[in-house]
Amino acid sequence: MQVSESGEFVVAKPPEEVVKLLKDPATVARLIPGVSGVKESGGEYVGEATLKLGHLSGKMAVRFKYAEVRDDGVVVVGRATGLQTTADFTIVVDTQPKDGGTLVKWRFQGTARGLVASLAPGLVQSALRKMAEEAANNFANYLQTK
């Protein structure tokens, strides 16, 4: 089961400030709904995600790393495991100057497999989409207040 989601927003910050925040895994982790306890471990970042999928809720272990860190954005790849399910994901964020601020374009791609993904694919797709959209909204709001 695959999920793709994307969007963009404009903030009144220069691209350098936006990318600086994107390069900080602790900041990024705080913006993703349900993710907590992120620590560095062997070149990766590990933490925990609390998910609610309809009547089912639980925790998944999350691992991610920066596949690319550029002056104009980042690419993060990772995996979440738990609830008898594995989800691989890629998050791409690109920035460019716009009207004295920054245009932020983001893309989320995820693939889930396992028990929950096969029994309730609609719930999993909906939860992943909602998580991606909330993370982007949280980031936009965070940038406005910093």
N, C-alpha and C. Protein backbone atom coordinates (compact mmCIF):
# COMPACT_ATOMS: atom_id res chain seq x y z
N MET A 1 0.82 -1.16 0.00
CA MET A 1 0.00 0.00 0.00
C MET A 1 0.89 1.25 0.00
N GLN A 2 0.60 2.17 -0.91
CA GLN A 2 1.43 3.37 -1.03
C GLN A 2 0.61 4.63 -0.76
N VAL A 3 1.30 5.62 -0.24
CA VAL A 3 0.69 6.93 0.02
C VAL A 3 1.66 7.99 -0.49
N SER A 4 1.12 8.94 -1.25
CA SER A 4 1.89 10.10 -1.69
C SER A 4 1.09 11.34 -1.35
N GLU A 5 1.77 12.32 -0.81
CA GLU A 5 1.13 13.57 -0.43
C GLU A 5 2.13 14.69 -0.67
N SER A 6 1.65 15.86 -1.07
CA SER A 6 2.56 16.98 -1.29
C SER A 6 1.82 18.29 -1.07
N GLY A 7 2.61 19.33 -0.93
CA GLY A 7 2.02 20.65 -0.76
C GLY A 7 3.10 21.71 -0.73
N GLU A 8 2.67 22.92 -0.53
CA GLU A 8 3.61 24.04 -0.44
C GLU A 8 3.00 25.15 0.39
N PHE A 9 3.88 25.98 0.92
CA PHE A 9 3.44 27.15 1.66
C PHE A 9 4.55 28.20 1.60
N VAL A 10 4.21 29.44 1.88
CA VAL A 10 5.17 30.55 1.87
C VAL A 10 5.29 31.08 3.29
N VAL A 11 6.53 31.34 3.71
CA VAL A 11 6.78 31.92 5.03
C VAL A 11 7.65 33.16 4.86
N ALA A 12 7.55 34.06 5.82
CA ALA A 12 8.29 35.32 5.78
C ALA A 12 9.66 35.17 6.45
N LYS A 13 10.38 34.15 6.04
CA LYS A 13 11.74 33.90 6.53
C LYS A 13 12.62 33.65 5.31
N PRO A 14 13.91 33.97 5.41
CA PRO A 14 14.80 33.65 4.29
C PRO A 14 15.03 32.14 4.20
N PRO A 15 15.30 31.63 3.00
CA PRO A 15 15.52 30.19 2.82
C PRO A 15 16.57 29.60 3.76
N GLU A 16 17.63 30.37 4.06
CA GLU A 16 18.70 29.85 4.93
C GLU A 16 18.16 29.48 6.32
N GLU A 17 17.25 30.30 6.86
CA GLU A 17 16.68 30.02 8.18
C GLU A 17 15.79 28.79 8.14
N VAL A 18 15.01 28.65 7.06
CA VAL A 18 14.12 27.50 6.91
C VAL A 18 14.94 26.21 6.86
N VAL A 19 15.97 26.21 6.02
CA VAL A 19 16.80 25.00 5.88
C VAL A 19 17.55 24.70 7.16
N LYS A 20 18.00 25.73 7.86
CA LYS A 20 18.69 25.50 9.14
C LYS A 20 17.80 24.72 10.11
N LEU A 21 16.52 25.08 10.18
CA LEU A 21 15.60 24.36 11.05
C LEU A 21 15.36 22.93 10.56
N LEU A 22 15.30 22.76 9.24
CA LEU A 22 15.10 21.43 8.67
C LEU A 22 16.27 20.49 8.96
N LYS A 23 17.45 21.06 9.14
CA LYS A 23 18.64 20.25 9.41
C LYS A 23 18.72 19.80 10.87
N ASP A 24 17.83 20.28 11.71
CA ASP A 24 17.83 19.93 13.13
C ASP A 24 16.81 18.82 13.39
N PRO A 25 17.26 17.58 13.58
CA PRO A 25 16.33 16.46 13.75
C PRO A 25 15.40 16.60 14.95
N ALA A 26 15.84 17.23 16.02
CA ALA A 26 14.99 17.41 17.19
C ALA A 26 13.81 18.32 16.85
N THR A 27 14.08 19.38 16.10
CA THR A 27 13.01 20.29 15.69
C THR A 27 12.04 19.58 14.76
N VAL A 28 12.56 18.88 13.77
CA VAL A 28 11.71 18.17 12.82
C VAL A 28 10.84 17.14 13.53
N ALA A 29 11.42 16.38 14.44
CA ALA A 29 10.68 15.34 15.15
C ALA A 29 9.53 15.93 15.97
N ARG A 30 9.76 17.10 16.58
CA ARG A 30 8.71 17.74 17.38
C ARG A 30 7.51 18.15 16.54
N LEU A 31 7.72 18.37 15.26
CA LEU A 31 6.65 18.85 14.39
C LEU A 31 5.78 17.73 13.85
N ILE A 32 6.25 16.49 13.93
CA ILE A 32 5.50 15.35 13.40
C ILE A 32 4.58 14.83 14.49
N PRO A 33 3.28 14.81 14.23
CA PRO A 33 2.32 14.39 15.25
C PRO A 33 2.63 12.99 15.78
N GLY A 34 2.62 12.86 17.11
CA GLY A 34 2.79 11.56 17.73
C GLY A 34 4.22 11.09 17.92
N VAL A 35 5.20 11.80 17.38
CA VAL A 35 6.60 11.37 17.48
C VAL A 35 7.23 11.97 18.73
N SER A 36 7.97 11.14 19.47
CA SER A 36 8.63 11.62 20.69
C SER A 36 9.91 10.84 20.94
N GLY A 37 10.70 11.35 21.87
CA GLY A 37 11.89 10.65 22.34
C GLY A 37 12.95 10.41 21.29
N VAL A 38 13.14 11.33 20.35
CA VAL A 38 14.11 11.12 19.26
C VAL A 38 15.53 11.36 19.78
N LYS A 39 16.39 10.38 19.51
CA LYS A 39 17.80 10.45 19.89
C LYS A 39 18.66 9.95 18.74
N GLU A 40 19.90 10.42 18.69
CA GLU A 40 20.83 9.95 17.66
C GLU A 40 21.38 8.59 18.06
N SER A 41 21.52 7.73 17.05
CA SER A 41 22.05 6.39 17.29
C SER A 41 22.71 5.88 16.02
N GLY A 42 24.03 5.88 16.01
CA GLY A 42 24.76 5.32 14.87
C GLY A 42 24.48 5.98 13.54
N GLY A 43 24.41 7.30 13.51
CA GLY A 43 24.18 8.01 12.25
C GLY A 43 22.72 8.12 11.86
N GLU A 44 21.85 7.52 12.65
CA GLU A 44 20.41 7.63 12.43
C GLU A 44 19.77 8.27 13.65
N TYR A 45 18.50 8.59 13.52
CA TYR A 45 17.74 9.13 14.64
C TYR A 45 16.62 8.14 14.92
N VAL A 46 16.45 7.81 16.18
CA VAL A 46 15.45 6.82 16.58
C VAL A 46 14.49 7.45 17.58
N GLY A 47 13.25 7.03 17.51
CA GLY A 47 12.23 7.54 18.42
C GLY A 47 11.02 6.64 18.39
N GLU A 48 9.92 7.22 18.80
CA GLU A 48 8.70 6.45 18.91
C GLU A 48 7.55 7.28 18.36
N ALA A 49 6.62 6.62 17.68
CA ALA A 49 5.43 7.30 17.17
C ALA A 49 4.20 6.63 17.75
N THR A 50 3.29 7.43 18.27
CA THR A 50 2.02 6.93 18.76
C THR A 50 0.98 7.17 17.67
N LEU A 51 0.33 6.09 17.25
CA LEU A 51 -0.64 6.18 16.16
C LEU A 51 -2.02 5.75 16.62
N LYS A 52 -3.02 6.36 15.99
CA LYS A 52 -4.40 5.95 16.21
C LYS A 52 -5.00 5.69 14.83
N LEU A 53 -5.40 4.44 14.61
CA LEU A 53 -5.99 4.03 13.34
C LEU A 53 -7.39 3.50 13.62
N GLY A 54 -8.37 4.37 13.58
CA GLY A 54 -9.72 3.95 13.93
C GLY A 54 -9.75 3.53 15.39
N HIS A 55 -10.18 2.27 15.64
CA HIS A 55 -10.25 1.75 17.00
C HIS A 55 -8.90 1.20 17.48
N LEU A 56 -7.96 1.07 16.58
CA LEU A 56 -6.65 0.51 16.91
C LEU A 56 -5.67 1.64 17.20
N SER A 57 -4.94 1.52 18.29
CA SER A 57 -3.90 2.50 18.57
C SER A 57 -2.70 1.76 19.15
N GLY A 58 -1.55 2.36 19.01
CA GLY A 58 -0.35 1.74 19.53
C GLY A 58 0.88 2.56 19.18
N LYS A 59 2.01 1.98 19.48
CA LYS A 59 3.29 2.68 19.25
C LYS A 59 4.09 1.95 18.19
N MET A 60 4.85 2.74 17.44
CA MET A 60 5.77 2.20 16.44
C MET A 60 7.15 2.79 16.70
N ALA A 61 8.16 1.97 16.52
CA ALA A 61 9.54 2.46 16.58
C ALA A 61 9.85 3.15 15.26
N VAL A 62 10.47 4.31 15.33
CA VAL A 62 10.78 5.09 14.13
C VAL A 62 12.29 5.30 14.04
N ARG A 63 12.83 5.09 12.84
CA ARG A 63 14.24 5.36 12.54
C ARG A 63 14.27 6.23 11.29
N PHE A 64 15.09 7.28 11.31
CA PHE A 64 15.25 8.08 10.10
C PHE A 64 16.64 8.66 10.02
N LYS A 65 17.00 9.05 8.81
CA LYS A 65 18.29 9.70 8.59
C LYS A 65 18.14 10.67 7.44
N TYR A 66 19.10 11.57 7.36
CA TYR A 66 19.14 12.52 6.25
C TYR A 66 19.86 11.87 5.08
N ALA A 67 19.14 11.65 3.99
CA ALA A 67 19.74 11.11 2.78
C ALA A 67 20.45 12.21 2.00
N GLU A 68 19.91 13.43 2.09
CA GLU A 68 20.51 14.60 1.45
C GLU A 68 20.32 15.82 2.34
N VAL A 69 21.34 16.63 2.42
CA VAL A 69 21.24 17.93 3.09
C VAL A 69 21.87 18.93 2.14
N ARG A 70 21.02 19.82 1.61
CA ARG A 70 21.48 20.80 0.63
C ARG A 70 21.22 22.21 1.17
N ASP A 71 21.77 23.20 0.49
CA ASP A 71 21.52 24.58 0.88
C ASP A 71 20.05 24.97 0.68
N ASP A 72 19.35 24.24 -0.22
CA ASP A 72 17.96 24.59 -0.51
C ASP A 72 16.95 23.55 -0.03
N GLY A 73 17.37 22.59 0.80
CA GLY A 73 16.42 21.62 1.31
C GLY A 73 17.05 20.35 1.83
N VAL A 74 16.20 19.39 2.15
CA VAL A 74 16.65 18.12 2.71
C VAL A 74 15.80 16.97 2.15
N VAL A 75 16.37 15.77 2.24
CA VAL A 75 15.64 14.53 1.97
C VAL A 75 15.85 13.63 3.18
N VAL A 76 14.76 13.21 3.78
CA VAL A 76 14.80 12.33 4.95
C VAL A 76 14.18 11.00 4.56
N VAL A 77 14.85 9.90 4.90
CA VAL A 77 14.32 8.56 4.66
C VAL A 77 14.24 7.82 5.98
N GLY A 78 13.24 6.96 6.11
CA GLY A 78 13.11 6.25 7.36
C GLY A 78 12.18 5.07 7.30
N ARG A 79 12.02 4.46 8.46
CA ARG A 79 11.17 3.28 8.62
C ARG A 79 10.52 3.31 9.99
N ALA A 80 9.26 2.94 10.03
CA ALA A 80 8.52 2.78 11.27
C ALA A 80 8.06 1.33 11.36
N THR A 81 8.26 0.71 12.52
CA THR A 81 7.86 -0.69 12.70
C THR A 81 7.06 -0.83 13.99
N GLY A 82 6.04 -1.64 13.93
CA GLY A 82 5.21 -1.89 15.09
C GLY A 82 3.80 -2.22 14.64
N LEU A 83 2.96 -2.65 15.56
CA LEU A 83 1.59 -3.02 15.22
C LEU A 83 1.56 -4.06 14.11
N GLN A 84 2.58 -4.91 14.07
CA GLN A 84 2.75 -5.94 13.05
C GLN A 84 2.76 -5.36 11.64
N THR A 85 3.31 -4.15 11.52
CA THR A 85 3.36 -3.43 10.25
C THR A 85 4.70 -2.72 10.13
N THR A 86 5.17 -2.59 8.90
CA THR A 86 6.38 -1.83 8.59
C THR A 86 6.02 -0.76 7.56
N ALA A 87 6.45 0.46 7.80
CA ALA A 87 6.21 1.56 6.87
C ALA A 87 7.53 2.24 6.55
N ASP A 88 7.87 2.29 5.28
CA ASP A 88 9.05 3.02 4.81
C ASP A 88 8.59 4.36 4.27
N PHE A 89 9.37 5.41 4.52
CA PHE A 89 8.93 6.73 4.06
C PHE A 89 10.11 7.57 3.58
N THR A 90 9.77 8.51 2.72
CA THR A 90 10.70 9.52 2.23
C THR A 90 10.01 10.87 2.32
N ILE A 91 10.71 11.84 2.89
CA ILE A 91 10.20 13.20 2.98
C ILE A 91 11.19 14.11 2.28
N VAL A 92 10.71 14.84 1.29
CA VAL A 92 11.55 15.77 0.53
C VAL A 92 11.03 17.18 0.78
N VAL A 93 11.92 18.08 1.18
CA VAL A 93 11.54 19.49 1.37
C VAL A 93 12.52 20.34 0.58
N ASP A 94 11.97 21.16 -0.32
CA ASP A 94 12.77 22.08 -1.13
C ASP A 94 12.32 23.50 -0.82
N THR A 95 13.27 24.41 -0.86
CA THR A 95 12.95 25.82 -0.62
C THR A 95 13.46 26.68 -1.77
N GLN A 96 12.81 27.82 -1.95
CA GLN A 96 13.30 28.81 -2.90
C GLN A 96 12.78 30.18 -2.47
N PRO A 97 13.58 31.22 -2.74
CA PRO A 97 13.15 32.57 -2.36
C PRO A 97 11.86 32.94 -3.09
N LYS A 98 10.99 33.66 -2.38
CA LYS A 98 9.76 34.15 -3.00
C LYS A 98 9.26 35.36 -2.24
N ASP A 99 9.16 36.47 -2.94
CA ASP A 99 8.57 37.71 -2.40
C ASP A 99 9.15 38.10 -1.05
N GLY A 100 10.46 38.02 -0.89
CA GLY A 100 11.10 38.40 0.36
C GLY A 100 11.04 37.33 1.43
N GLY A 101 10.43 36.21 1.12
CA GLY A 101 10.34 35.09 2.06
C GLY A 101 10.81 33.81 1.38
N THR A 102 10.15 32.71 1.73
CA THR A 102 10.54 31.42 1.20
C THR A 102 9.32 30.61 0.80
N LEU A 103 9.39 30.05 -0.40
CA LEU A 103 8.41 29.06 -0.84
C LEU A 103 8.94 27.70 -0.40
N VAL A 104 8.16 26.98 0.40
CA VAL A 104 8.55 25.66 0.90
C VAL A 104 7.67 24.63 0.19
N LYS A 105 8.31 23.73 -0.55
CA LYS A 105 7.59 22.64 -1.22
C LYS A 105 7.96 21.34 -0.53
N TRP A 106 6.95 20.53 -0.19
CA TRP A 106 7.22 19.27 0.50
C TRP A 106 6.50 18.11 -0.20
N ARG A 107 7.12 16.93 -0.09
CA ARG A 107 6.55 15.70 -0.64
C ARG A 107 6.77 14.58 0.37
N PHE A 108 5.75 13.81 0.60
CA PHE A 108 5.83 12.63 1.46
C PHE A 108 5.44 11.41 0.61
N GLN A 109 6.27 10.39 0.66
CA GLN A 109 5.95 9.13 0.01
C GLN A 109 6.17 8.02 1.02
N GLY A 110 5.16 7.18 1.17
CA GLY A 110 5.27 6.09 2.13
C GLY A 110 4.71 4.80 1.57
N THR A 111 5.27 3.70 2.02
CA THR A 111 4.80 2.37 1.66
C THR A 111 4.66 1.57 2.94
N ALA A 112 3.48 1.00 3.15
CA ALA A 112 3.24 0.21 4.36
C ALA A 112 2.89 -1.22 3.97
N ARG A 113 3.38 -2.16 4.77
CA ARG A 113 3.07 -3.56 4.56
C ARG A 113 2.97 -4.25 5.91
N GLY A 114 2.24 -5.32 5.96
CA GLY A 114 2.07 -6.04 7.21
C GLY A 114 0.60 -6.17 7.56
N LEU A 115 0.33 -6.63 8.75
CA LEU A 115 -1.02 -6.97 9.18
C LEU A 115 -1.98 -5.78 9.10
N VAL A 116 -1.66 -4.69 9.76
CA VAL A 116 -2.58 -3.54 9.78
C VAL A 116 -2.76 -2.97 8.39
N ALA A 117 -1.67 -2.87 7.62
CA ALA A 117 -1.76 -2.33 6.26
C ALA A 117 -2.64 -3.20 5.37
N SER A 118 -2.63 -4.51 5.59
CA SER A 118 -3.45 -5.39 4.74
C SER A 118 -4.90 -5.47 5.22
N LEU A 119 -5.13 -5.36 6.53
CA LEU A 119 -6.50 -5.46 7.05
C LEU A 119 -7.27 -4.14 6.96
N ALA A 120 -6.56 -3.03 7.09
CA ALA A 120 -7.24 -1.73 7.09
C ALA A 120 -6.47 -0.72 6.25
N PRO A 121 -6.30 -0.99 4.94
CA PRO A 121 -5.48 -0.07 4.13
C PRO A 121 -6.04 1.35 4.08
N GLY A 122 -7.36 1.50 4.07
CA GLY A 122 -7.94 2.84 4.04
C GLY A 122 -7.62 3.64 5.28
N LEU A 123 -7.67 2.99 6.44
CA LEU A 123 -7.32 3.67 7.69
C LEU A 123 -5.85 4.08 7.71
N VAL A 124 -4.99 3.18 7.24
CA VAL A 124 -3.55 3.48 7.23
C VAL A 124 -3.26 4.63 6.27
N GLN A 125 -3.84 4.58 5.07
CA GLN A 125 -3.63 5.67 4.11
C GLN A 125 -4.11 7.00 4.68
N SER A 126 -5.28 6.99 5.26
CA SER A 126 -5.83 8.22 5.84
C SER A 126 -4.95 8.75 6.97
N ALA A 127 -4.47 7.86 7.84
CA ALA A 127 -3.62 8.28 8.95
C ALA A 127 -2.30 8.85 8.46
N LEU A 128 -1.68 8.23 7.45
CA LEU A 128 -0.41 8.73 6.92
C LEU A 128 -0.59 10.08 6.24
N ARG A 129 -1.68 10.22 5.48
CA ARG A 129 -1.95 11.51 4.83
C ARG A 129 -2.15 12.61 5.88
N LYS A 130 -2.95 12.29 6.89
CA LYS A 130 -3.22 13.28 7.94
C LYS A 130 -1.93 13.66 8.66
N MET A 131 -1.08 12.68 8.94
CA MET A 131 0.18 12.94 9.63
C MET A 131 1.07 13.85 8.79
N ALA A 132 1.16 13.58 7.47
CA ALA A 132 1.99 14.41 6.58
C ALA A 132 1.47 15.83 6.53
N GLU A 133 0.15 15.98 6.38
CA GLU A 133 -0.43 17.32 6.31
C GLU A 133 -0.27 18.09 7.62
N GLU A 134 -0.47 17.41 8.75
CA GLU A 134 -0.30 18.07 10.05
C GLU A 134 1.15 18.47 10.28
N ALA A 135 2.09 17.63 9.88
CA ALA A 135 3.51 17.97 10.03
C ALA A 135 3.85 19.22 9.21
N ALA A 136 3.35 19.30 7.98
CA ALA A 136 3.60 20.48 7.14
C ALA A 136 2.97 21.72 7.76
N ASN A 137 1.73 21.60 8.26
CA ASN A 137 1.08 22.74 8.91
C ASN A 137 1.82 23.15 10.17
N ASN A 138 2.26 22.17 10.95
CA ASN A 138 3.03 22.48 12.16
C ASN A 138 4.32 23.22 11.81
N PHE A 139 5.00 22.78 10.74
CA PHE A 139 6.24 23.43 10.32
C PHE A 139 5.98 24.86 9.88
N ALA A 140 4.94 25.06 9.09
CA ALA A 140 4.59 26.43 8.64
C ALA A 140 4.30 27.33 9.83
N ASN A 141 3.52 26.83 10.79
CA ASN A 141 3.21 27.62 11.99
C ASN A 141 4.46 27.88 12.83
N TYR A 142 5.31 26.88 12.97
CA TYR A 142 6.55 27.02 13.73
C TYR A 142 7.44 28.10 13.12
N LEU A 143 7.54 28.08 11.80
CA LEU A 143 8.37 29.09 11.11
C LEU A 143 7.82 30.48 11.30
N GLN A 144 6.51 30.64 11.38
CA GLN A 144 5.92 31.95 11.58
C GLN A 144 6.22 32.52 12.96
N THR A 145 6.41 31.64 13.94
CA THR A 145 6.62 32.11 15.31
C THR A 145 8.09 32.24 15.68
N LYS A 146 9.00 31.68 14.89
CA LYS A 146 10.44 31.73 15.20
C LYS A 146 11.06 32.96 14.63
